[in-house]
Every structure is written in structure tokens, then in C-alpha cells.
Amino acid sequence: MKKPTYHILVCNSFRIAGDAQGACNKKGAAGFIQYLTEEAADRGLDVAVSSTGCLNVCAQGPVVVVHPNNFWYGNVDSTDVIDEILDALEDGEACEKYLIAD
């Protein structure tokens, strides 16, 4: 199996019981998964996108994590923000404006 170059995780606040309850989900993070997948493909980026359980930084949600870079982005609240993150990824850089950890 060929591993993707990048794995993008989108927090969707799933809890142990399986319910999406937290801040990221309530702020629309689920809607970003398809956009990220399609936009990355349109740009020719080799990306896998996954929804996750709660990443425990609710105050900064929605949260997106890019691996293997280990870039943690917060307040990802629109497709415009996602575009900025993907622009930086294309350049091999972090999108400093939204980094909450690196």
C-alpha cells in the first residue's frame, strides 16, 4: 500500500459513545471533510483526509492537523481558511496565521 504524502485530520468532536458533541462539530467541521478532499485533489496534493474524535483543544476549534508535519491549526471556520492552509502546504510551509502548535 502506498501511503499518502499528507494525512489531514479534522476534529469532529466524537466522544467515546460515538456522538459528535463538541465545539468543532457544532462549528461545522464535518462540512470541511469533503471540501478538503476535493480541493487537495484538484491541487494535485497526495492527501488522505480523516475525521477524528475530540482533539481536546475545543476553545480553538474547529481544529485541523496536518501530518507528517504535525501542524495543528485552530479556528478553521471557513473554506477560505482551508484554502490558505492548502496554499501553504503546496509551498511546503505552515500557514502561520492559524497555527496553534507545530
PDB file of N, CA and C in Angstrom:
ATOM      1  N   MET A   1       0.836  -1.184   0.000  1.00  0.00           N
ATOM      2  CA  MET A   1       0.000   0.000   0.000  1.00  0.00           C
ATOM      3  C   MET A   1       0.882   1.249   0.000  1.00  0.00           C
ATOM      4  N   LYS A   2       0.536   2.180  -0.871  1.00  0.00           N
ATOM      5  CA  LYS A   2       1.251   3.449  -0.913  1.00  0.00           C
ATOM      6  C   LYS A   2       0.631   4.407   0.091  1.00  0.00           C
ATOM      7  N   LYS A   3       1.467   4.947   0.960  1.00  0.00           N
ATOM      8  CA  LYS A   3       0.982   5.922   1.938  1.00  0.00           C
ATOM      9  C   LYS A   3       0.854   7.289   1.265  1.00  0.00           C
ATOM     10  N   PRO A   4      -0.166   8.060   1.655  1.00  0.00           N
ATOM     11  CA  PRO A   4      -0.278   9.420   1.118  1.00  0.00           C
ATOM     12  C   PRO A   4       0.846  10.297   1.673  1.00  0.00           C
ATOM     13  N   THR A   5       1.163  11.331   0.962  1.00  0.00           N
ATOM     14  CA  THR A   5       2.184  12.278   1.415  1.00  0.00           C
ATOM     15  C   THR A   5       1.739  12.990   2.688  1.00  0.00           C
ATOM     16  N   TYR A   6       0.461  13.349   2.739  1.00  0.00           N
ATOM     17  CA  TYR A   6      -0.086  14.065   3.890  1.00  0.00           C
ATOM     18  C   TYR A   6      -1.339  13.362   4.392  1.00  0.00           C
ATOM     19  N   HIS A   7      -1.537  13.418   5.691  1.00  0.00           N
ATOM     20  CA  HIS A   7      -2.771  12.942   6.307  1.00  0.00           C
ATOM     21  C   HIS A   7      -3.336  14.123   7.086  1.00  0.00           C
ATOM     22  N   ILE A   8      -4.501  14.568   6.679  1.00  0.00           N
ATOM     23  CA  ILE A   8      -5.149  15.714   7.319  1.00  0.00           C
ATOM     24  C   ILE A   8      -6.284  15.205   8.206  1.00  0.00           C
ATOM     25  N   LEU A   9      -6.207  15.560   9.470  1.00  0.00           N
ATOM     26  CA  LEU A   9      -7.215  15.167  10.440  1.00  0.00           C
ATOM     27  C   LEU A   9      -8.121  16.349  10.736  1.00  0.00           C
ATOM     28  N   VAL A  10      -9.404  16.121  10.712  1.00  0.00           N
ATOM     29  CA  VAL A  10     -10.389  17.157  11.011  1.00  0.00           C
ATOM     30  C   VAL A  10     -11.132  16.734  12.274  1.00  0.00           C
ATOM     31  N   CYS A  11     -10.966  17.506  13.338  1.00  0.00           N
ATOM     32  CA  CYS A  11     -11.662  17.185  14.582  1.00  0.00           C
ATOM     33  C   CYS A  11     -13.160  17.327  14.365  1.00  0.00           C
ATOM     34  N   ASN A  12     -13.884  16.272  14.750  1.00  0.00           N
ATOM     35  CA  ASN A  12     -15.339  16.323  14.689  1.00  0.00           C
ATOM     36  C   ASN A  12     -15.972  16.009  16.023  1.00  0.00           C
ATOM     37  N   SER A  13     -15.162  16.054  17.073  1.00  0.00           N
ATOM     38  CA  SER A  13     -15.669  16.022  18.447  1.00  0.00           C
ATOM     39  C   SER A  13     -16.389  14.737  18.831  1.00  0.00           C
ATOM     40  N   PHE A  14     -16.065  13.635  18.159  1.00  0.00           N
ATOM     41  CA  PHE A  14     -16.711  12.380  18.536  1.00  0.00           C
ATOM     42  C   PHE A  14     -16.242  11.978  19.919  1.00  0.00           C
ATOM     43  N   ARG A  15     -17.158  11.500  20.737  1.00  0.00           N
ATOM     44  CA  ARG A  15     -16.864  11.066  22.095  1.00  0.00           C
ATOM     45  C   ARG A  15     -16.858   9.542  22.149  1.00  0.00           C
ATOM     46  N   ILE A  16     -16.513   8.990  23.285  1.00  0.00           N
ATOM     47  CA  ILE A  16     -16.421   7.548  23.448  1.00  0.00           C
ATOM     48  C   ILE A  16     -17.715   6.857  23.034  1.00  0.00           C
ATOM     49  N   ALA A  17     -18.841   7.444  23.338  1.00  0.00           N
ATOM     50  CA  ALA A  17     -20.134   6.854  22.980  1.00  0.00           C
ATOM     51  C   ALA A  17     -20.425   6.969  21.491  1.00  0.00           C
ATOM     52  N   GLY A  18     -19.567   7.681  20.760  1.00  0.00           N
ATOM     53  CA  GLY A  18     -19.741   7.814  19.318  1.00  0.00           C
ATOM     54  C   GLY A  18     -20.481   9.046  18.862  1.00  0.00           C
ATOM     55  N   ASP A  19     -20.977   9.829  19.792  1.00  0.00           N
ATOM     56  CA  ASP A  19     -21.722  11.028  19.417  1.00  0.00           C
ATOM     57  C   ASP A  19     -20.789  12.213  19.209  1.00  0.00           C
ATOM     58  N   ALA A  20     -21.058  12.978  18.158  1.00  0.00           N
ATOM     59  CA  ALA A  20     -20.308  14.210  17.923  1.00  0.00           C
ATOM     60  C   ALA A  20     -20.986  15.305  18.734  1.00  0.00           C
ATOM     61  N   GLN A  21     -20.320  15.791  19.784  1.00  0.00           N
ATOM     62  CA  GLN A  21     -20.966  16.733  20.682  1.00  0.00           C
ATOM     63  C   GLN A  21     -20.238  18.052  20.848  1.00  0.00           C
ATOM     64  N   GLY A  22     -18.967  18.088  20.588  1.00  0.00           N
ATOM     65  CA  GLY A  22     -18.144  19.218  20.983  1.00  0.00           C
ATOM     66  C   GLY A  22     -18.125  20.385  20.033  1.00  0.00           C
ATOM     67  N   ALA A  23     -17.239  21.295  20.348  1.00  0.00           N
ATOM     68  CA  ALA A  23     -17.148  22.582  19.672  1.00  0.00           C
ATOM     69  C   ALA A  23     -16.882  22.471  18.179  1.00  0.00           C
ATOM     70  N   CYS A  24     -15.955  21.623  17.791  1.00  0.00           N
ATOM     71  CA  CYS A  24     -15.593  21.552  16.373  1.00  0.00           C
ATOM     72  C   CYS A  24     -16.780  21.125  15.519  1.00  0.00           C
ATOM     73  N   ASN A  25     -17.476  20.092  15.966  1.00  0.00           N
ATOM     74  CA  ASN A  25     -18.635  19.621  15.216  1.00  0.00           C
ATOM     75  C   ASN A  25     -19.721  20.682  15.174  1.00  0.00           C
ATOM     76  N   LYS A  26     -19.974  21.319  16.307  1.00  0.00           N
ATOM     77  CA  LYS A  26     -21.012  22.352  16.357  1.00  0.00           C
ATOM     78  C   LYS A  26     -20.671  23.561  15.503  1.00  0.00           C
ATOM     79  N   LYS A  27     -19.372  23.757  15.220  1.00  0.00           N
ATOM     80  CA  LYS A  27     -18.942  24.884  14.391  1.00  0.00           C
ATOM     81  C   LYS A  27     -18.776  24.493  12.924  1.00  0.00           C
ATOM     82  N   GLY A  28     -19.281  23.317  12.542  1.00  0.00           N
ATOM     83  CA  GLY A  28     -19.344  22.949  11.127  1.00  0.00           C
ATOM     84  C   GLY A  28     -18.163  22.187  10.566  1.00  0.00           C
ATOM     85  N   ALA A  29     -17.318  21.615  11.396  1.00  0.00           N
ATOM     86  CA  ALA A  29     -16.126  20.924  10.910  1.00  0.00           C
ATOM     87  C   ALA A  29     -16.454  19.766   9.961  1.00  0.00           C
ATOM     88  N   ALA A  30     -17.573  19.095  10.175  1.00  0.00           N
ATOM     89  CA  ALA A  30     -17.931  17.954   9.322  1.00  0.00           C
ATOM     90  C   ALA A  30     -18.037  18.369   7.859  1.00  0.00           C
ATOM     91  N   GLY A  31     -18.467  19.586   7.622  1.00  0.00           N
ATOM     92  CA  GLY A  31     -18.608  20.082   6.252  1.00  0.00           C
ATOM     93  C   GLY A  31     -17.299  20.330   5.537  1.00  0.00           C
ATOM     94  N   PHE A  32     -16.199  20.335   6.273  1.00  0.00           N
ATOM     95  CA  PHE A  32     -14.896  20.614   5.661  1.00  0.00           C
ATOM     96  C   PHE A  32     -14.235  19.379   5.068  1.00  0.00           C
ATOM     97  N   ILE A  33     -14.687  18.204   5.459  1.00  0.00           N
ATOM     98  CA  ILE A  33     -14.013  16.971   5.033  1.00  0.00           C
ATOM     99  C   ILE A  33     -14.076  16.799   3.520  1.00  0.00           C
ATOM    100  N   GLN A  34     -15.247  16.897   2.954  1.00  0.00           N
ATOM    101  CA  GLN A  34     -15.375  16.747   1.508  1.00  0.00           C
ATOM    102  C   GLN A  34     -14.636  17.869   0.782  1.00  0.00           C
ATOM    103  N   TYR A  35     -14.774  19.093   1.277  1.00  0.00           N
ATOM    104  CA  TYR A  35     -14.080  20.214   0.629  1.00  0.00           C
ATOM    105  C   TYR A  35     -12.573  19.990   0.619  1.00  0.00           C
ATOM    106  N   LEU A  36     -12.012  19.607   1.765  1.00  0.00           N
ATOM    107  CA  LEU A  36     -10.571  19.350   1.851  1.00  0.00           C
ATOM    108  C   LEU A  36     -10.140  18.253   0.886  1.00  0.00           C
ATOM    109  N   THR A  37     -10.893  17.171   0.848  1.00  0.00           N
ATOM    110  CA  THR A  37     -10.566  16.049  -0.031  1.00  0.00           C
ATOM    111  C   THR A  37     -10.552  16.480  -1.493  1.00  0.00           C
ATOM    112  N   GLU A  38     -11.600  17.165  -1.909  1.00  0.00           N
ATOM    113  CA  GLU A  38     -11.721  17.582  -3.305  1.00  0.00           C
ATOM    114  C   GLU A  38     -10.720  18.667  -3.676  1.00  0.00           C
ATOM    115  N   GLU A  39     -10.543  19.644  -2.817  1.00  0.00           N
ATOM    116  CA  GLU A  39      -9.630  20.751  -3.102  1.00  0.00           C
ATOM    117  C   GLU A  39      -8.186  20.261  -3.168  1.00  0.00           C
ATOM    118  N   ALA A  40      -7.804  19.373  -2.257  1.00  0.00           N
ATOM    119  CA  ALA A  40      -6.446  18.825  -2.279  1.00  0.00           C
ATOM    120  C   ALA A  40      -6.220  18.046  -3.579  1.00  0.00           C
ATOM    121  N   ALA A  41      -7.205  17.258  -3.991  1.00  0.00           N
ATOM    122  CA  ALA A  41      -7.090  16.500  -5.243  1.00  0.00           C
ATOM    123  C   ALA A  41      -6.980  17.440  -6.436  1.00  0.00           C
ATOM    124  N   ASP A  42      -7.792  18.498  -6.458  1.00  0.00           N
ATOM    125  CA  ASP A  42      -7.735  19.480  -7.549  1.00  0.00           C
ATOM    126  C   ASP A  42      -6.357  20.126  -7.656  1.00  0.00           C
ATOM    127  N   ARG A  43      -5.682  20.258  -6.531  1.00  0.00           N
ATOM    128  CA  ARG A  43      -4.350  20.882  -6.492  1.00  0.00           C
ATOM    129  C   ARG A  43      -3.232  19.867  -6.748  1.00  0.00           C
ATOM    130  N   GLY A  44      -3.601  18.608  -6.877  1.00  0.00           N
ATOM    131  CA  GLY A  44      -2.603  17.575  -7.120  1.00  0.00           C
ATOM    132  C   GLY A  44      -1.840  17.158  -5.876  1.00  0.00           C
ATOM    133  N   LEU A  45      -2.389  17.474  -4.700  1.00  0.00           N
ATOM    134  CA  LEU A  45      -1.753  17.071  -3.449  1.00  0.00           C
ATOM    135  C   LEU A  45      -2.163  15.642  -3.110  1.00  0.00           C
ATOM    136  N   ASP A  46      -1.212  14.840  -2.696  1.00  0.00           N
ATOM    137  CA  ASP A  46      -1.470  13.461  -2.300  1.00  0.00           C
ATOM    138  C   ASP A  46      -1.868  13.454  -0.828  1.00  0.00           C
ATOM    139  N   VAL A  47      -3.176  13.488  -0.572  1.00  0.00           N
ATOM    140  CA  VAL A  47      -3.701  13.707   0.773  1.00  0.00           C
ATOM    141  C   VAL A  47      -4.781  12.682   1.107  1.00  0.00           C
ATOM    142  N   ALA A  48      -4.761  12.197   2.337  1.00  0.00           N
ATOM    143  CA  ALA A  48      -5.877  11.449   2.904  1.00  0.00           C
ATOM    144  C   ALA A  48      -6.481  12.349   3.977  1.00  0.00           C
ATOM    145  N   VAL A  49      -7.795  12.434   4.006  1.00  0.00           N
ATOM    146  CA  VAL A  49      -8.487  13.275   4.984  1.00  0.00           C
ATOM    147  C   VAL A  49      -9.336  12.368   5.870  1.00  0.00           C
ATOM    148  N   SER A  50      -9.213  12.554   7.181  1.00  0.00           N
ATOM    149  CA  SER A  50      -9.966  11.746   8.140  1.00  0.00           C
ATOM    150  C   SER A  50     -10.639  12.617   9.183  1.00  0.00           C
ATOM    151  N   SER A  51     -11.799  12.171   9.615  1.00  0.00           N
ATOM    152  CA  SER A  51     -12.495  12.793  10.733  1.00  0.00           C
ATOM    153  C   SER A  51     -11.995  12.129  12.011  1.00  0.00           C
ATOM    154  N   THR A  52     -11.902  12.898  13.086  1.00  0.00           N
ATOM    155  CA  THR A  52     -11.380  12.344  14.334  1.00  0.00           C
ATOM    156  C   THR A  52     -12.339  12.556  15.498  1.00  0.00           C
ATOM    157  N   GLY A  53     -12.000  11.899  16.577  1.00  0.00           N
ATOM    158  CA  GLY A  53     -12.645  12.183  17.844  1.00  0.00           C
ATOM    159  C   GLY A  53     -12.126  13.516  18.348  1.00  0.00           C
ATOM    160  N   CYS A  54     -12.552  13.885  19.521  1.00  0.00           N
ATOM    161  CA  CYS A  54     -12.159  15.159  20.114  1.00  0.00           C
ATOM    162  C   CYS A  54     -10.648  15.234  20.290  1.00  0.00           C
ATOM    163  N   LEU A  55     -10.051  16.339  19.862  1.00  0.00           N
ATOM    164  CA  LEU A  55      -8.610  16.553  19.992  1.00  0.00           C
ATOM    165  C   LEU A  55      -8.257  17.397  21.215  1.00  0.00           C
ATOM    166  N   ASN A  56      -9.253  17.717  22.021  1.00  0.00           N
ATOM    167  CA  ASN A  56      -9.063  18.380  23.315  1.00  0.00           C
ATOM    168  C   ASN A  56      -8.495  19.789  23.256  1.00  0.00           C
ATOM    169  N   VAL A  57      -8.796  20.501  22.203  1.00  0.00           N
ATOM    170  CA  VAL A  57      -8.473  21.934  22.140  1.00  0.00           C
ATOM    171  C   VAL A  57      -9.727  22.680  21.666  1.00  0.00           C
ATOM    172  N   CYS A  58     -10.822  22.379  22.327  1.00  0.00           N
ATOM    173  CA  CYS A  58     -12.142  22.869  21.932  1.00  0.00           C
ATOM    174  C   CYS A  58     -12.218  24.391  21.808  1.00  0.00           C
ATOM    175  N   ALA A  59     -11.537  25.094  22.684  1.00  0.00           N
ATOM    176  CA  ALA A  59     -11.595  26.560  22.659  1.00  0.00           C
ATOM    177  C   ALA A  59     -11.023  27.133  21.369  1.00  0.00           C
ATOM    178  N   GLN A  60     -10.241  26.339  20.647  1.00  0.00           N
ATOM    179  CA  GLN A  60      -9.621  26.820  19.415  1.00  0.00           C
ATOM    180  C   GLN A  60     -10.195  26.144  18.174  1.00  0.00           C
ATOM    181  N   GLY A  61     -11.313  25.460  18.335  1.00  0.00           N
ATOM    182  CA  GLY A  61     -11.900  24.730  17.228  1.00  0.00           C
ATOM    183  C   GLY A  61     -12.667  25.605  16.259  1.00  0.00           C
ATOM    184  N   PRO A  62     -12.931  25.045  15.101  1.00  0.00           N
ATOM    185  CA  PRO A  62     -12.549  23.753  14.594  1.00  0.00           C
ATOM    186  C   PRO A  62     -11.031  23.613  14.427  1.00  0.00           C
ATOM    187  N   VAL A  63     -10.554  22.393  14.659  1.00  0.00           N
ATOM    188  CA  VAL A  63      -9.126  22.094  14.613  1.00  0.00           C
ATOM    189  C   VAL A  63      -8.834  21.142  13.451  1.00  0.00           C
ATOM    190  N   VAL A  64      -7.752  21.445  12.738  1.00  0.00           N
ATOM    191  CA  VAL A  64      -7.263  20.615  11.631  1.00  0.00           C
ATOM    192  C   VAL A  64      -5.790  20.341  11.895  1.00  0.00           C
ATOM    193  N   VAL A  65      -5.379  19.082  11.721  1.00  0.00           N
ATOM    194  CA  VAL A  65      -3.991  18.685  11.939  1.00  0.00           C
ATOM    195  C   VAL A  65      -3.449  18.101  10.643  1.00  0.00           C
ATOM    196  N   VAL A  66      -2.247  18.535  10.244  1.00  0.00           N
ATOM    197  CA  VAL A  66      -1.604  18.020   9.037  1.00  0.00           C
ATOM    198  C   VAL A  66      -0.390  17.203   9.444  1.00  0.00           C
ATOM    199  N   HIS A  67      -0.410  15.931   9.052  1.00  0.00           N
ATOM    200  CA  HIS A  67       0.733  15.040   9.282  1.00  0.00           C
ATOM    201  C   HIS A  67       1.376  14.702   7.952  1.00  0.00           C
ATOM    202  N   PRO A  68       2.653  14.456   7.848  1.00  0.00           N
ATOM    203  CA  PRO A  68       3.577  14.199   8.938  1.00  0.00           C
ATOM    204  C   PRO A  68       4.184  15.466   9.542  1.00  0.00           C
ATOM    205  N   ASN A  69       3.760  16.631   9.083  1.00  0.00           N
ATOM    206  CA  ASN A  69       4.332  17.894   9.555  1.00  0.00           C
ATOM    207  C   ASN A  69       3.994  18.200  11.008  1.00  0.00           C
ATOM    208  N   ASN A  70       2.908  17.607  11.504  1.00  0.00           N
ATOM    209  CA  ASN A  70       2.425  17.865  12.861  1.00  0.00           C
ATOM    210  C   ASN A  70       2.050  19.335  13.060  1.00  0.00           C
ATOM    211  N   PHE A  71       1.442  19.917  12.026  1.00  0.00           N
ATOM    212  CA  PHE A  71       0.926  21.284  12.110  1.00  0.00           C
ATOM    213  C   PHE A  71      -0.497  21.222  12.658  1.00  0.00           C
ATOM    214  N   TRP A  72      -0.746  21.909  13.764  1.00  0.00           N
ATOM    215  CA  TRP A  72      -2.071  21.986  14.370  1.00  0.00           C
ATOM    216  C   TRP A  72      -2.636  23.377  14.096  1.00  0.00           C
ATOM    217  N   TYR A  73      -3.786  23.411  13.431  1.00  0.00           N
ATOM    218  CA  TYR A  73      -4.430  24.677  13.087  1.00  0.00           C
ATOM    219  C   TYR A  73      -5.733  24.819  13.867  1.00  0.00           C
ATOM    220  N   GLY A  74      -5.974  26.022  14.353  1.00  0.00           N
ATOM    221  CA  GLY A  74      -7.193  26.307  15.082  1.00  0.00           C
ATOM    222  C   GLY A  74      -8.025  27.373  14.415  1.00  0.00           C
ATOM    223  N   ASN A  75      -9.277  27.444  14.810  1.00  0.00           N
ATOM    224  CA  ASN A  75     -10.228  28.412  14.270  1.00  0.00           C
ATOM    225  C   ASN A  75     -10.382  28.278  12.763  1.00  0.00           C
ATOM    226  N   VAL A  76     -10.381  27.039  12.304  1.00  0.00           N
ATOM    227  CA  VAL A  76     -10.567  26.747  10.879  1.00  0.00           C
ATOM    228  C   VAL A  76     -12.071  26.755  10.637  1.00  0.00           C
ATOM    229  N   ASP A  77     -12.587  27.945  10.391  1.00  0.00           N
ATOM    230  CA  ASP A  77     -14.034  28.122  10.371  1.00  0.00           C
ATOM    231  C   ASP A  77     -14.632  28.427   9.005  1.00  0.00           C
ATOM    232  N   SER A  78     -13.829  28.292   7.942  1.00  0.00           N
ATOM    233  CA  SER A  78     -14.368  28.541   6.605  1.00  0.00           C
ATOM    234  C   SER A  78     -13.484  27.868   5.557  1.00  0.00           C
ATOM    235  N   THR A  79     -14.033  27.732   4.356  1.00  0.00           N
ATOM    236  CA  THR A  79     -13.238  27.172   3.270  1.00  0.00           C
ATOM    237  C   THR A  79     -12.103  28.121   2.879  1.00  0.00           C
ATOM    238  N   ASP A  80     -12.258  29.406   3.150  1.00  0.00           N
ATOM    239  CA  ASP A  80     -11.169  30.355   2.876  1.00  0.00           C
ATOM    240  C   ASP A  80      -9.945  30.025   3.726  1.00  0.00           C
ATOM    241  N   VAL A  81     -10.164  29.659   4.982  1.00  0.00           N
ATOM    242  CA  VAL A  81      -9.066  29.280   5.869  1.00  0.00           C
ATOM    243  C   VAL A  81      -8.416  27.993   5.348  1.00  0.00           C
ATOM    244  N   ILE A  82      -9.231  27.042   4.941  1.00  0.00           N
ATOM    245  CA  ILE A  82      -8.699  25.793   4.387  1.00  0.00           C
ATOM    246  C   ILE A  82      -7.859  26.076   3.151  1.00  0.00           C
ATOM    247  N   ASP A  83      -8.316  26.981   2.303  1.00  0.00           N
ATOM    248  CA  ASP A  83      -7.534  27.346   1.111  1.00  0.00           C
ATOM    249  C   ASP A  83      -6.166  27.903   1.503  1.00  0.00           C
ATOM    250  N   GLU A  84      -6.122  28.732   2.536  1.00  0.00           N
ATOM    251  CA  GLU A  84      -4.847  29.281   2.993  1.00  0.00           C
ATOM    252  C   GLU A  84      -3.917  28.176   3.505  1.00  0.00           C
ATOM    253  N   ILE A  85      -4.483  27.220   4.224  1.00  0.00           N
ATOM    254  CA  ILE A  85      -3.692  26.101   4.739  1.00  0.00           C
ATOM    255  C   ILE A  85      -3.147  25.272   3.579  1.00  0.00           C
ATOM    256  N   LEU A  86      -3.995  24.987   2.579  1.00  0.00           N
ATOM    257  CA  LEU A  86      -3.546  24.207   1.426  1.00  0.00           C
ATOM    258  C   LEU A  86      -2.536  24.977   0.581  1.00  0.00           C
ATOM    259  N   ASP A  87      -2.702  26.291   0.471  1.00  0.00           N
ATOM    260  CA  ASP A  87      -1.712  27.118  -0.243  1.00  0.00           C
ATOM    261  C   ASP A  87      -0.338  26.952   0.397  1.00  0.00           C
ATOM    262  N   ALA A  88      -0.296  27.041   1.712  1.00  0.00           N
ATOM    263  CA  ALA A  88       0.972  26.899   2.435  1.00  0.00           C
ATOM    264  C   ALA A  88       1.527  25.488   2.266  1.00  0.00           C
ATOM    265  N   LEU A  89       0.659  24.491   2.320  1.00  0.00           N
ATOM    266  CA  LEU A  89       1.100  23.107   2.154  1.00  0.00           C
ATOM    267  C   LEU A  89       1.727  22.899   0.778  1.00  0.00           C
ATOM    268  N   GLU A  90       1.137  23.507  -0.243  1.00  0.00           N
ATOM    269  CA  GLU A  90       1.707  23.418  -1.594  1.00  0.00           C
ATOM    270  C   GLU A  90       3.117  24.004  -1.639  1.00  0.00           C
ATOM    271  N   ASP A  91       3.356  25.020  -0.819  1.00  0.00           N
ATOM    272  CA  ASP A  91       4.675  25.660  -0.764  1.00  0.00           C
ATOM    273  C   ASP A  91       5.609  24.969   0.224  1.00  0.00           C
ATOM    274  N   GLY A  92       5.115  23.893   0.861  1.00  0.00           N
ATOM    275  CA  GLY A  92       5.933  23.162   1.824  1.00  0.00           C
ATOM    276  C   GLY A  92       6.124  23.902   3.134  1.00  0.00           C
ATOM    277  N   GLU A  93       5.176  24.765   3.461  1.00  0.00           N
ATOM    278  CA  GLU A  93       5.280  25.591   4.662  1.00  0.00           C
ATOM    279  C   GLU A  93       4.041  25.443   5.537  1.00  0.00           C
ATOM    280  N   ALA A  94       4.145  25.968   6.742  1.00  0.00           N
ATOM    281  CA  ALA A  94       2.988  26.065   7.625  1.00  0.00           C
ATOM    282  C   ALA A  94       2.245  27.362   7.327  1.00  0.00           C
ATOM    283  N   CYS A  95       0.963  27.358   7.566  1.00  0.00           N
ATOM    284  CA  CYS A  95       0.163  28.578   7.481  1.00  0.00           C
ATOM    285  C   CYS A  95       0.205  29.197   8.877  1.00  0.00           C
ATOM    286  N   GLU A  96       1.185  30.039   9.111  1.00  0.00           N
ATOM    287  CA  GLU A  96       1.469  30.586  10.438  1.00  0.00           C
ATOM    288  C   GLU A  96       0.268  31.259  11.094  1.00  0.00           C
ATOM    289  N   LYS A  97      -0.570  31.862  10.290  1.00  0.00           N
ATOM    290  CA  LYS A  97      -1.700  32.643  10.784  1.00  0.00           C
ATOM    291  C   LYS A  97      -2.655  31.816  11.665  1.00  0.00           C
ATOM    292  N   TYR A  98      -2.784  30.516  11.388  1.00  0.00           N
ATOM    293  CA  TYR A  98      -3.747  29.678  12.097  1.00  0.00           C
ATOM    294  C   TYR A  98      -3.096  28.609  12.958  1.00  0.00           C
ATOM    295  N   LEU A  99      -1.771  28.590  13.026  1.00  0.00           N
ATOM    296  CA  LEU A  99      -1.085  27.576  13.836  1.00  0.00           C
ATOM    297  C   LEU A  99      -1.403  27.753  15.314  1.00  0.00           C
ATOM    298  N   ILE A 100      -1.751  26.651  15.957  1.00  0.00           N
ATOM    299  CA  ILE A 100      -1.902  26.676  17.414  1.00  0.00           C
ATOM    300  C   ILE A 100      -0.809  25.830  18.046  1.00  0.00           C
ATOM    301  N   ALA A 101      -0.134  25.031  17.241  1.00  0.00           N
ATOM    302  CA  ALA A 101       1.019  24.217  17.669  1.00  0.00           C
ATOM    303  C   ALA A 101       1.745  23.776  16.416  1.00  0.00           C
ATOM    304  N   ASP A 102       3.022  23.510  16.552  1.00  0.00           N
ATOM    305  CA  ASP A 102       3.760  22.980  15.381  1.00  0.00           C
ATOM    306  C   ASP A 102       4.813  21.987  15.827  1.00  0.00           C
TER     307      ASP A 102
END
